[in-house]
């Protein structure tokens, strides 16, 4: 499912979270932990584990299979002035979608990756549109160069509102590697409000 080009441009123009000279706001892969912003962010934690005080505690987060420390964070309340005008900007959102944000930091203190995932606990009307964040990501990071595959429904899976989506995309540039997954489906016989809809984008340094 693809959005009209005019709608994509309008959504991106209204989404200051995607700064044009960075990967997300002030964040870019390859920066050091010491360069991470001192203000505007909160709710620091190790993924699936306890909270921590801030960026400097990344080493307390258990390393993943690649030896990187996943550190989750959110936008600090009041850090986006547009939230006073439109509740679409309240909370931790990218392109109007509630998201979970994770930095992947090496032992040497280098931000090797950034993970942006739509929040599965978001309100129903937000979750229904979560798979559309992937289209915004493609537009933001360049429409050309994505290699995508789409999986067919597995046994017991069916469309939601006529839409079935299991898409995996990858893109490589000289300075970035992007991996994007999108889903939209439900399991037959399940509660109509119980469906899978989401986008997950990971940005890494090449190599």
Protein backbone atom coordinates (compact mmCIF):
# COMPACT_ATOMS: atom_id res chain seq x y z
CA UNK A 1 0.00 0.00 0.00
CA UNK A 2 1.53 3.29 -1.09
CA UNK A 3 0.55 6.82 -0.18
CA UNK A 4 0.04 9.52 -2.84
CA UNK A 5 3.18 11.61 -3.34
CA UNK A 6 1.39 14.83 -2.35
CA UNK A 7 0.25 13.30 0.95
CA UNK A 8 3.74 12.01 1.71
CA UNK A 9 5.25 15.44 1.15
CA UNK A 10 2.62 17.07 3.36
CA UNK A 11 3.24 14.61 6.18
CA UNK A 12 7.00 15.00 5.97
CA UNK A 13 6.72 18.77 5.99
CA UNK A 14 4.73 18.51 9.21
CA UNK A 15 7.22 16.16 10.87
CA UNK A 16 10.15 18.10 12.35
CA UNK A 17 11.36 14.92 14.08
CA UNK A 18 13.08 14.01 10.81
CA UNK A 19 15.75 16.66 10.49
CA UNK A 20 17.20 16.86 7.02
CA UNK A 21 20.85 16.85 8.16
CA UNK A 22 20.55 13.92 10.60
CA UNK A 23 18.94 10.51 10.87
CA UNK A 24 16.41 11.68 13.48
CA UNK A 25 16.32 15.06 15.21
CA UNK A 26 19.89 15.62 16.50
CA UNK A 27 20.80 11.95 16.17
CA UNK A 28 23.02 10.40 13.53
CA UNK A 29 24.72 7.04 13.42
CA UNK A 30 28.44 7.38 13.93
CA UNK A 31 28.21 10.08 16.61
CA UNK A 32 29.73 9.40 20.01
CA UNK A 33 27.85 8.99 23.28
CA UNK A 34 29.51 12.23 24.43
CA UNK A 35 27.84 14.11 21.57
CA UNK A 36 24.32 13.02 22.50
CA UNK A 37 22.05 15.96 23.45
CA UNK A 38 22.02 17.00 27.08
CA UNK A 39 18.38 18.14 27.07
CA UNK A 40 15.03 17.27 25.54
CA UNK A 41 14.97 13.52 26.22
CA UNK A 42 13.79 11.29 29.04
CA UNK A 43 12.59 7.78 30.02
CA UNK A 44 16.01 6.21 29.51
CA UNK A 45 16.07 2.44 29.96
CA UNK A 46 17.71 -0.76 28.86
CA UNK A 47 15.39 -2.54 26.42
CA UNK A 48 13.23 -4.96 28.37
CA UNK A 49 15.04 -4.18 31.61
CA UNK A 50 15.49 -1.51 34.25
CA UNK A 51 15.64 2.24 33.89
CA UNK A 52 18.90 4.16 33.84
CA UNK A 53 19.82 7.80 34.47
CA UNK A 54 20.92 8.85 31.00
CA UNK A 55 23.05 8.30 27.93
CA UNK A 56 26.20 7.88 30.02
CA UNK A 57 24.82 4.62 31.45
CA UNK A 58 24.60 2.81 28.11
CA UNK A 59 27.22 0.30 29.28
CA UNK A 60 24.78 -0.94 31.94
CA UNK A 61 22.46 -2.25 29.21
CA UNK A 62 23.13 -5.90 28.31
CA UNK A 63 24.82 -6.24 24.93
CA UNK A 64 22.91 -7.84 22.06
CA UNK A 65 24.22 -10.56 19.74
CA UNK A 66 26.26 -7.96 17.83
CA UNK A 67 27.87 -6.68 21.03
CA UNK A 68 25.90 -3.41 21.02
CA UNK A 69 24.09 -1.89 23.98
CA UNK A 70 20.42 -1.07 23.19
CA UNK A 71 19.34 2.06 25.06
CA UNK A 72 15.69 3.13 24.80
CA UNK A 73 14.60 6.75 25.25
CA UNK A 74 11.73 9.15 24.62
CA UNK A 75 11.07 12.80 24.02
CA UNK A 76 10.84 14.89 27.15
CA UNK A 77 7.43 16.45 27.73
CA UNK A 78 7.40 20.00 26.44
CA UNK A 79 10.40 19.49 24.14
CA UNK A 80 8.28 20.06 21.03
CA UNK A 81 6.56 23.47 20.90
CA UNK A 82 4.13 22.18 18.23
CA UNK A 83 2.50 19.97 20.88
CA UNK A 84 0.76 23.09 22.19
CA UNK A 85 -0.94 23.50 18.81
CA UNK A 86 -1.64 19.90 17.79
CA UNK A 87 -1.76 16.75 19.91
CA UNK A 88 -0.25 14.82 16.99
CA UNK A 89 3.09 16.10 18.29
CA UNK A 90 2.56 15.11 21.93
CA UNK A 91 4.71 12.31 23.30
CA UNK A 92 7.37 10.41 21.40
CA UNK A 93 6.21 10.50 17.79
CA UNK A 94 7.80 10.39 14.35
CA UNK A 95 5.70 11.51 11.42
CA UNK A 96 2.70 11.65 13.77
CA UNK A 97 3.10 7.99 14.79
CA UNK A 98 3.77 6.98 18.42
CA UNK A 99 7.14 5.20 18.41
CA UNK A 100 9.71 3.41 20.54
CA UNK A 101 13.23 4.73 19.97
CA UNK A 102 16.45 2.80 20.63
CA UNK A 103 20.10 3.69 20.15
CA UNK A 104 22.57 0.84 19.60
CA UNK A 105 25.86 1.88 21.20
CA UNK A 106 29.20 0.06 21.03
CA UNK A 107 31.58 -0.57 23.92
CA UNK A 108 33.67 2.29 22.51
CA UNK A 109 30.72 4.68 22.87
CA UNK A 110 29.87 4.95 19.16
CA UNK A 111 26.22 5.07 18.08
CA UNK A 112 26.25 2.22 15.58
CA UNK A 113 22.51 2.14 14.99
CA UNK A 114 19.14 3.77 15.54
CA UNK A 115 15.92 1.75 15.76
CA UNK A 116 12.48 3.33 15.22
CA UNK A 117 9.47 1.11 15.96
CA UNK A 118 5.81 1.99 16.03
CA UNK A 119 4.41 1.54 19.53
CA UNK A 120 2.23 -1.61 19.75
CA UNK A 121 0.54 -0.13 22.83
CA UNK A 122 -0.69 2.97 20.98
CA UNK A 123 -4.40 3.75 20.75
CA UNK A 124 -6.43 1.72 18.25
CA UNK A 125 -6.77 4.51 15.69
CA UNK A 126 -2.98 5.05 15.78
CA UNK A 127 -2.16 1.34 15.49
CA UNK A 128 -4.35 0.98 12.40
CA UNK A 129 -2.09 3.44 10.59
CA UNK A 130 1.24 2.24 12.01
CA UNK A 131 2.23 0.39 8.84
CA UNK A 132 2.19 3.74 6.99
CA UNK A 133 5.25 5.02 8.86
CA UNK A 134 7.32 2.81 6.57
CA UNK A 135 6.15 4.79 3.54
CA UNK A 136 7.24 8.01 5.24
CA UNK A 137 10.61 6.44 5.99
CA UNK A 138 11.14 5.53 2.33
CA UNK A 139 10.32 9.07 1.27
CA UNK A 140 12.52 10.60 3.98
CA UNK A 141 15.59 8.49 3.23
CA UNK A 142 15.14 8.43 -0.54
CA UNK A 143 12.63 6.47 -2.63
CA UNK A 144 15.31 4.96 -4.89
CA UNK A 145 17.44 1.96 -4.03
CA UNK A 146 15.11 -0.04 -1.79
CA UNK A 147 15.05 -3.80 -2.41
CA UNK A 148 11.74 -5.13 -1.07
CA UNK A 149 10.08 -8.51 -0.77
CA UNK A 150 6.51 -9.28 0.27
CA UNK A 151 5.46 -12.45 2.03
CA UNK A 152 2.17 -14.21 1.37
CA UNK A 153 -0.33 -14.83 4.17
CA UNK A 154 0.50 -17.74 6.44
CA UNK A 155 -2.19 -20.18 7.53
CA UNK A 156 -4.85 -18.36 9.55
CA UNK A 157 -3.76 -14.85 8.51
CA UNK A 158 -6.09 -12.48 6.67
CA UNK A 159 -6.27 -8.84 5.55
CA UNK A 160 -7.44 -5.96 7.71
CA UNK A 161 -9.89 -3.75 5.82
CA UNK A 162 -8.73 -5.32 2.56
CA UNK A 163 -5.04 -4.73 3.30
CA UNK A 164 -2.53 -7.52 3.87
CA UNK A 165 1.10 -6.53 4.26
CA UNK A 166 4.27 -8.33 5.23
CA UNK A 167 7.06 -6.34 3.66
CA UNK A 168 10.82 -6.46 4.21
CA UNK A 169 13.02 -3.81 2.58
CA UNK A 170 16.72 -3.03 2.63
CA UNK A 171 18.77 -0.19 1.23
CA UNK A 172 22.50 0.51 1.31
CA UNK A 173 24.30 3.79 0.69
CA UNK A 174 28.00 4.65 1.16
CA UNK A 175 27.24 5.91 4.69
CA UNK A 176 24.10 4.06 5.83
CA UNK A 177 22.37 0.69 5.83
CA UNK A 178 18.59 0.71 6.22
CA UNK A 179 16.38 -2.24 7.14
CA UNK A 180 12.61 -1.68 7.10
CA UNK A 181 9.81 -4.09 7.99
CA UNK A 182 6.08 -3.41 7.75
CA UNK A 183 3.09 -5.55 8.71
CA UNK A 184 -0.68 -5.31 8.44
CA UNK A 185 -2.85 -8.41 9.02
CA UNK A 186 -5.05 -10.18 11.53
CA UNK A 187 -5.49 -13.78 12.59
CA UNK A 188 -8.73 -15.39 11.51
CA UNK A 189 -11.30 -15.55 14.28
CA UNK A 190 -9.54 -13.01 16.49
CA UNK A 191 -11.14 -9.95 18.03
CA UNK A 192 -11.49 -7.27 15.31
CA UNK A 193 -9.42 -4.93 17.48
CA UNK A 194 -6.64 -7.49 17.72
CA UNK A 195 -4.49 -7.10 14.63
CA UNK A 196 -0.87 -6.61 13.67
CA UNK A 197 0.04 -3.24 12.18
CA UNK A 198 3.48 -1.76 12.48
CA UNK A 199 6.70 -0.43 11.00
CA UNK A 200 10.23 -1.06 12.22
CA UNK A 201 13.18 0.84 10.78
CA UNK A 202 16.80 0.27 11.70
CA UNK A 203 19.57 2.57 10.52
CA UNK A 204 23.14 1.30 10.81
CA UNK A 205 26.59 2.30 9.77
CA UNK A 206 27.71 0.25 6.73
CA UNK A 207 29.75 -2.87 7.20
